[in-house]
Protein backbone atom coordinates (compact mmCIF):
# COMPACT_ATOMS: atom_id res chain seq x y z
CA MET A 1 174.44 -81.57 33.04
CA ILE A 2 176.45 -82.79 30.06
CA THR A 3 178.04 -80.09 28.16
CA ARG A 4 177.69 -79.69 24.40
CA GLU A 5 181.54 -80.50 24.19
CA ASN A 6 180.92 -83.79 26.22
CA PHE A 7 177.49 -84.64 24.53
CA VAL A 8 177.83 -87.88 22.28
CA GLY A 9 174.95 -88.40 20.09
CA ARG A 10 173.04 -87.81 16.72
CA ARG A 11 170.14 -86.21 18.27
CA ASP A 12 169.82 -82.41 18.79
CA TYR A 13 171.79 -81.40 21.91
CA ALA A 14 169.09 -78.40 22.66
CA HIS A 15 166.35 -80.94 22.80
CA PHE A 16 168.49 -83.41 25.10
CA VAL A 17 168.99 -80.44 27.58
CA ARG A 18 165.22 -79.59 27.72
CA HIS A 19 164.48 -83.39 28.38
CA CYS A 20 167.08 -83.33 31.18
CA GLU A 21 165.78 -80.01 32.54
CA ALA A 22 162.26 -81.44 32.56
CA ALA A 23 163.29 -84.71 34.21
CA VAL A 24 165.27 -82.80 37.02
CA LYS A 25 162.17 -80.62 37.67
CA VAL A 26 159.95 -83.51 38.33
CA ASN A 27 162.80 -85.36 40.44
CA HIS A 28 163.03 -88.24 38.00
CA ALA A 29 164.75 -91.07 39.83
CA PHE A 30 166.66 -93.05 37.15
CA TRP A 31 169.72 -91.62 35.47
CA PHE A 32 172.77 -93.07 33.89
CA ASN A 33 175.72 -90.95 33.19
CA ASP A 34 173.62 -87.83 33.65
CA VAL A 35 171.01 -89.07 31.12
CA PRO A 36 167.41 -89.57 32.25
CA VAL A 37 166.41 -93.18 31.30
CA THR A 38 163.84 -95.70 32.30
CA LYS A 39 164.46 -97.73 35.41
CA GLN A 40 165.03 -101.06 33.38
CA LEU A 41 167.52 -99.46 31.17
CA ARG A 42 169.41 -97.99 33.89
CA ASP A 43 169.77 -101.49 35.56
CA PHE A 44 170.62 -102.91 32.28
CA LEU A 45 173.45 -100.34 31.71
CA ASN A 46 174.73 -100.57 35.10
CA GLU A 47 175.36 -104.30 34.63
CA ILE A 48 177.21 -103.52 31.30
CA LYS A 49 179.20 -101.01 32.95
CA ALA A 50 180.10 -103.31 35.66
CA ARG A 51 182.39 -105.09 33.12
CA TRP A 52 183.23 -102.03 30.73
CA PHE A 53 184.16 -99.29 32.97
CA ASN A 54 184.36 -96.50 30.16
CA VAL A 55 181.24 -97.41 28.29
CA GLN A 56 179.73 -94.49 26.50
CA ILE A 57 176.05 -94.11 25.87
CA CYS A 58 175.17 -92.05 22.82
CA ILE A 59 171.94 -90.05 22.41
CA ASP A 60 171.12 -91.36 18.93
CA TYR A 61 167.33 -92.01 19.36
CA PRO A 62 164.31 -90.08 20.35
CA ALA A 63 163.21 -89.96 23.92
CA ILE A 64 159.86 -91.48 24.98
CA SER A 65 157.18 -89.78 27.15
CA ALA A 66 156.84 -90.26 30.97
CA SER A 67 154.61 -88.72 33.47
CA THR A 68 153.87 -88.15 37.13
CA ALA A 69 150.65 -87.31 38.51
CA ASP A 70 151.14 -83.62 37.65
CA ASP A 71 153.62 -83.43 34.98
CA HIS A 72 154.65 -84.85 31.58
CA TYR A 73 158.34 -85.18 30.54
CA TRP A 74 160.73 -87.28 28.49
CA VAL A 75 163.18 -90.17 29.22
CA TYR A 76 165.37 -92.37 26.96
CA ASN A 77 164.71 -96.07 26.52
CA ARG A 78 167.22 -96.63 23.80
CA VAL A 79 170.78 -95.45 23.59
CA GLY A 80 173.68 -96.19 21.34
CA ILE A 81 176.72 -97.97 22.70
CA THR A 82 180.38 -97.24 22.06
CA SER A 83 183.61 -96.58 24.17
CA ALA A 84 184.53 -93.13 25.48
CA ASP A 85 187.86 -93.62 23.33
CA THR A 86 185.73 -93.82 20.10
CA PRO A 87 182.83 -91.34 20.38
CA ASP A 88 182.25 -91.37 16.40
CA MET A 89 181.87 -95.03 16.34
CA ARG A 90 179.04 -97.49 17.48
CA VAL A 91 179.37 -100.98 18.48
CA GLY A 92 175.39 -101.32 18.84
CA TRP A 93 172.52 -100.13 20.84
CA VAL A 94 170.63 -101.35 23.78
CA MET A 95 166.80 -100.68 24.63
CA PHE A 96 164.03 -101.60 26.96
CA ALA A 97 160.60 -101.76 25.18
CA ASN A 98 157.41 -103.92 25.37
CA ASN A 99 158.89 -105.42 28.50
CA GLU A 100 161.80 -106.87 26.75
CA TYR A 101 165.54 -105.98 26.82
CA ASN A 102 167.07 -105.53 23.32
CA VAL A 103 170.60 -105.69 22.08
CA GLN A 104 171.70 -104.75 18.74
CA SER A 105 175.13 -105.28 17.34
CA PRO A 106 176.66 -105.81 13.69
CA ARG A 107 178.37 -108.90 15.56
CA ILE A 108 174.84 -110.60 16.11
CA GLU A 109 173.59 -113.02 13.44
CA ASN A 110 169.94 -113.91 14.58
CA GLU A 111 169.09 -116.94 12.37
CA LYS A 112 165.40 -116.38 12.90
CA PHE A 113 165.49 -113.77 10.49
CA SER A 114 166.91 -113.23 6.92
CA SER A 115 170.15 -111.23 6.78
CA HIS A 116 168.34 -108.15 5.26
CA ASN A 117 165.91 -108.02 8.09
CA ASP A 118 166.36 -105.58 10.91
CA GLY A 119 165.87 -108.47 13.46
CA TYR A 120 168.94 -110.20 12.03
CA ARG A 121 171.34 -107.98 14.13
CA ILE A 122 169.03 -108.00 17.33
CA ARG A 123 168.57 -110.19 20.27
CA LYS A 124 165.67 -109.67 22.74
CA SER A 125 164.26 -111.31 26.05
CA LYS A 126 162.53 -110.38 29.17
CA ASP A 127 165.12 -112.04 31.18
CA MET A 128 167.64 -109.28 32.01
CA LYS A 129 170.43 -111.74 33.22
CA LYS A 130 170.16 -113.46 29.91
CA MET A 131 170.42 -110.27 27.86
CA VAL A 132 173.24 -108.96 30.18
CA LYS A 133 175.34 -112.00 28.99
CA VAL A 134 174.34 -111.19 25.40
CA ALA A 135 175.40 -107.62 25.78
CA ARG A 136 178.64 -108.66 27.31
CA GLN A 137 179.39 -111.05 24.41
CA PHE A 138 178.48 -108.78 21.51
CA LEU A 139 178.97 -105.17 22.86
CA LYS A 140 182.73 -104.89 23.38
CA PRO A 141 185.09 -101.88 23.22
CA PRO A 142 186.26 -101.23 19.74
CA THR A 143 189.76 -102.73 18.93
CA VAL A 144 192.47 -100.95 16.90
CA GLN A 145 191.41 -103.20 13.93
CA ASP A 146 187.84 -101.85 14.32
CA VAL A 147 189.08 -98.19 14.11
CA TYR A 148 191.43 -99.10 11.44
CA VAL A 149 188.42 -100.41 9.26
CA ASN A 150 185.99 -97.73 10.36
CA SER A 151 188.38 -94.99 9.35
CA GLN A 152 189.53 -96.54 6.11
CA PRO A 153 186.97 -94.79 3.93
CA MET A 154 187.84 -91.40 5.29
CA LEU A 155 191.48 -92.12 4.37
CA ASN A 156 190.42 -93.17 0.86
CA GLU A 157 188.30 -90.09 0.33
CA ALA A 158 191.10 -87.77 1.57
CA LEU A 159 193.68 -89.38 -0.75
CA TYR A 160 191.14 -89.13 -3.78
CA ASN A 161 190.68 -85.40 -3.04
CA VAL A 162 194.52 -85.08 -3.34
CA ARG A 163 194.75 -87.00 -6.62
CA ASP A 164 191.63 -85.79 -8.31
CA PRO A 165 192.79 -81.95 -8.88
CA ALA A 166 195.93 -82.99 -10.27
CA ARG A 167 194.15 -85.66 -12.68
CA SER A 168 191.65 -82.90 -13.64
CA ARG A 169 194.35 -80.45 -14.53
CA PHE A 170 196.07 -83.01 -16.54
CA ARG A 171 192.71 -83.89 -18.27
CA ASP A 172 191.98 -80.22 -19.00
CA LYS A 173 195.28 -79.57 -20.59
CA LEU A 174 196.20 -82.76 -22.34
CA ALA A 175 192.75 -83.37 -23.71
CA ILE A 176 193.58 -81.97 -26.91
CA ASN A 177 191.43 -82.19 -30.04
CA MET A 178 192.60 -84.22 -33.21
CA ASP A 179 192.97 -81.33 -35.54
CA ASP A 180 195.36 -79.62 -33.15
CA ILE A 181 197.29 -82.90 -32.78
CA ALA A 182 197.61 -83.45 -36.63
CA ASP A 183 198.66 -79.67 -37.14
CA GLU A 184 201.10 -80.04 -34.52
CA VAL A 185 202.61 -83.21 -35.79
CA ALA A 186 202.96 -81.59 -39.20
CA HIS A 187 204.72 -78.64 -37.59
CA MET A 188 207.03 -80.78 -35.71
CA LEU A 189 208.08 -82.72 -38.86
CA ALA A 190 208.50 -79.57 -41.01
CA LEU A 191 210.38 -77.29 -38.48
CA GLY A 192 211.49 -79.13 -35.55
CA TYR A 193 209.53 -79.00 -32.30
CA GLU A 194 208.29 -75.79 -31.07
CA PRO A 195 204.60 -75.59 -30.07
CA SER A 196 202.38 -73.74 -32.48
CA THR A 197 198.86 -74.52 -30.92
CA LYS A 198 197.38 -72.79 -27.97
CA SER A 199 196.55 -76.35 -26.47
CA PHE A 200 200.03 -77.69 -26.87
CA LYS A 201 201.55 -74.48 -25.39
CA GLU A 202 199.46 -74.56 -22.47
CA ALA A 203 200.26 -78.14 -21.85
CA ILE A 204 204.06 -77.55 -22.21
CA ASP A 205 203.84 -74.59 -19.78
CA LEU A 206 202.01 -76.67 -17.38
CA MET A 207 204.54 -79.36 -17.54
CA ARG A 208 207.36 -77.04 -17.17
CA SER A 209 205.98 -75.24 -14.12
CA GLU A 210 204.05 -78.06 -12.18
CA GLY A 211 204.47 -81.14 -14.10
CA ALA A 212 206.68 -83.07 -11.65
CA GLU A 213 204.34 -82.39 -8.64
CA LEU A 214 201.20 -83.00 -10.70
CA LYS A 215 202.73 -86.35 -11.73
CA ARG A 216 203.53 -87.21 -8.09
CA LEU A 217 199.98 -86.28 -6.77
CA LYS A 218 197.92 -87.89 -9.41
CA ASP A 219 198.95 -91.30 -8.22
CA TYR A 220 199.58 -90.35 -4.76
CA ALA A 221 199.84 -93.41 -2.52
CA PRO A 222 201.92 -92.70 0.58
CA ARG A 223 202.71 -95.30 3.36
CA THR A 224 200.14 -94.65 5.89
CA CYS A 225 199.93 -95.06 9.69
CA LEU A 226 196.68 -94.95 11.91
CA VAL A 227 196.98 -93.15 15.13
CA TRP A 228 194.22 -93.47 17.71
CA ALA A 229 194.35 -91.18 20.64
CA LYS A 230 192.59 -93.01 23.43
CA GLN A 231 191.89 -91.44 26.91
CA ASN A 232 194.89 -92.96 28.69
CA SER A 233 197.03 -94.16 25.93
CA LEU A 234 197.91 -93.75 22.17
CA VAL A 235 197.91 -96.57 19.58
CA TYR A 236 199.67 -96.59 16.34
CA LYS A 237 199.71 -99.00 13.48
CA TYR A 238 201.34 -98.89 10.06
CA SER A 239 199.40 -99.97 7.21
CA ASP A 240 202.04 -102.58 6.03
CA GLU A 241 202.57 -103.96 9.44
CA ALA A 242 200.49 -106.47 11.24
CA GLU A 243 200.85 -105.38 14.71
CA ALA A 244 199.74 -102.38 16.56
CA VAL A 245 201.76 -100.45 19.15
CA GLU A 246 200.14 -98.96 22.27
CA ILE A 247 202.07 -96.38 24.32
CA THR A 248 201.28 -94.45 27.38
CA ASP A 249 204.18 -91.96 27.21
CA LEU A 250 204.39 -89.60 24.11
CA ASN A 251 208.11 -89.63 24.29
CA ASP A 252 207.77 -93.12 23.03
CA LEU A 253 206.06 -92.07 19.75
CA PRO A 254 208.23 -91.89 16.65
CA GLU A 255 209.48 -88.31 16.03
CA VAL A 256 208.00 -88.35 12.37
CA LEU A 257 204.53 -89.13 13.84
CA ASN A 258 204.86 -86.75 16.59
CA THR A 259 205.76 -83.90 14.23
CA LYS A 260 202.96 -84.45 11.69
CA LEU A 261 200.44 -85.08 14.56
CA GLY A 262 201.22 -81.47 15.62
CA VAL A 263 200.03 -80.22 12.34
CA LEU A 264 197.01 -82.54 12.24
CA ASN A 265 195.80 -81.67 15.63
CA ILE A 266 194.72 -78.17 14.16
CA ALA A 267 193.80 -79.35 10.59
CA GLN A 268 190.46 -79.51 9.10
CA GLU A 269 188.73 -82.88 9.56
CA ARG A 270 188.84 -85.30 6.51
CA SER A 271 190.93 -82.92 4.45
CA ALA A 272 194.26 -84.41 3.51
CA ILE A 273 197.39 -82.46 3.80
CA PRO A 274 199.94 -84.19 1.11
CA ASP A 275 203.08 -85.75 3.02
CA VAL A 276 201.47 -85.01 6.46
CA GLY A 277 198.13 -86.73 6.76
CA VAL A 278 194.53 -86.48 7.40
CA ARG A 279 192.44 -85.91 10.60
CA VAL A 280 189.47 -88.18 10.69
CA ASN A 281 188.04 -86.87 14.03
CA ALA A 282 189.47 -85.63 17.39
CA SER A 283 191.01 -88.87 18.23
CA THR A 284 191.72 -90.73 14.84
CA PHE A 285 194.30 -89.66 12.58
CA TRP A 286 196.11 -91.09 9.22
CA VAL A 287 199.61 -90.02 9.05
CA PHE A 288 201.53 -89.98 5.79
CA VAL A 289 204.86 -91.62 6.23
């Protein structure tokens, strides 16, 4: 039985467990990686796995009903596809329905349909050998560039969350009304500069105590490095360098990355730590260098 920790999917885990238990009870014959599936889908997935050893199926879609002479239960005829190294990403899905094998992938461009139609990203056929070739062409393990692009929005969101509080505090204290500005200018001209209005005093106090740090954070744009922890290796890529580096020995990881990863491993997901980085998920990190 797949544990909750090892479960990959967008469906409810408790429902998945009940489906598995019911399938075991009736001695359902067709399984793939401990998931009860239809015979056709099992055969299809086995062909995909023959070329992609760590393919990960994802329980993203509802099960369909199946039955024996005495029992009714549920199995899966469609599953999401990804790599065991990227459980939070999807490269597509596969399905057997209406006597046809289906492959969906964002890499597919089916000219029989317009680009806004669901069928544009799908190929289907009753010929399994033909569809195995389609699957091998379009369903491929994510590359470091795929991970980089997929996690970029989370980096941008995290950096925004660092900058925005600093900008908000500036706005709150420096959005001074015109009457206060006029009074203050008159006071400056008459007496030499010593704040007389509450707004200006608060702005000066803020600048004295936190001004340098707030200025730094409001436009915070550190050099970043994507770190992707795969099952048997680790890949890192600086945002301003073209090539990624893959290592199998952590001793080869630059010390600055190693130190900051130690902090990010126990950090809250998608919450940036200034001058450290942001944890996207358990295997993907952006380090600020």
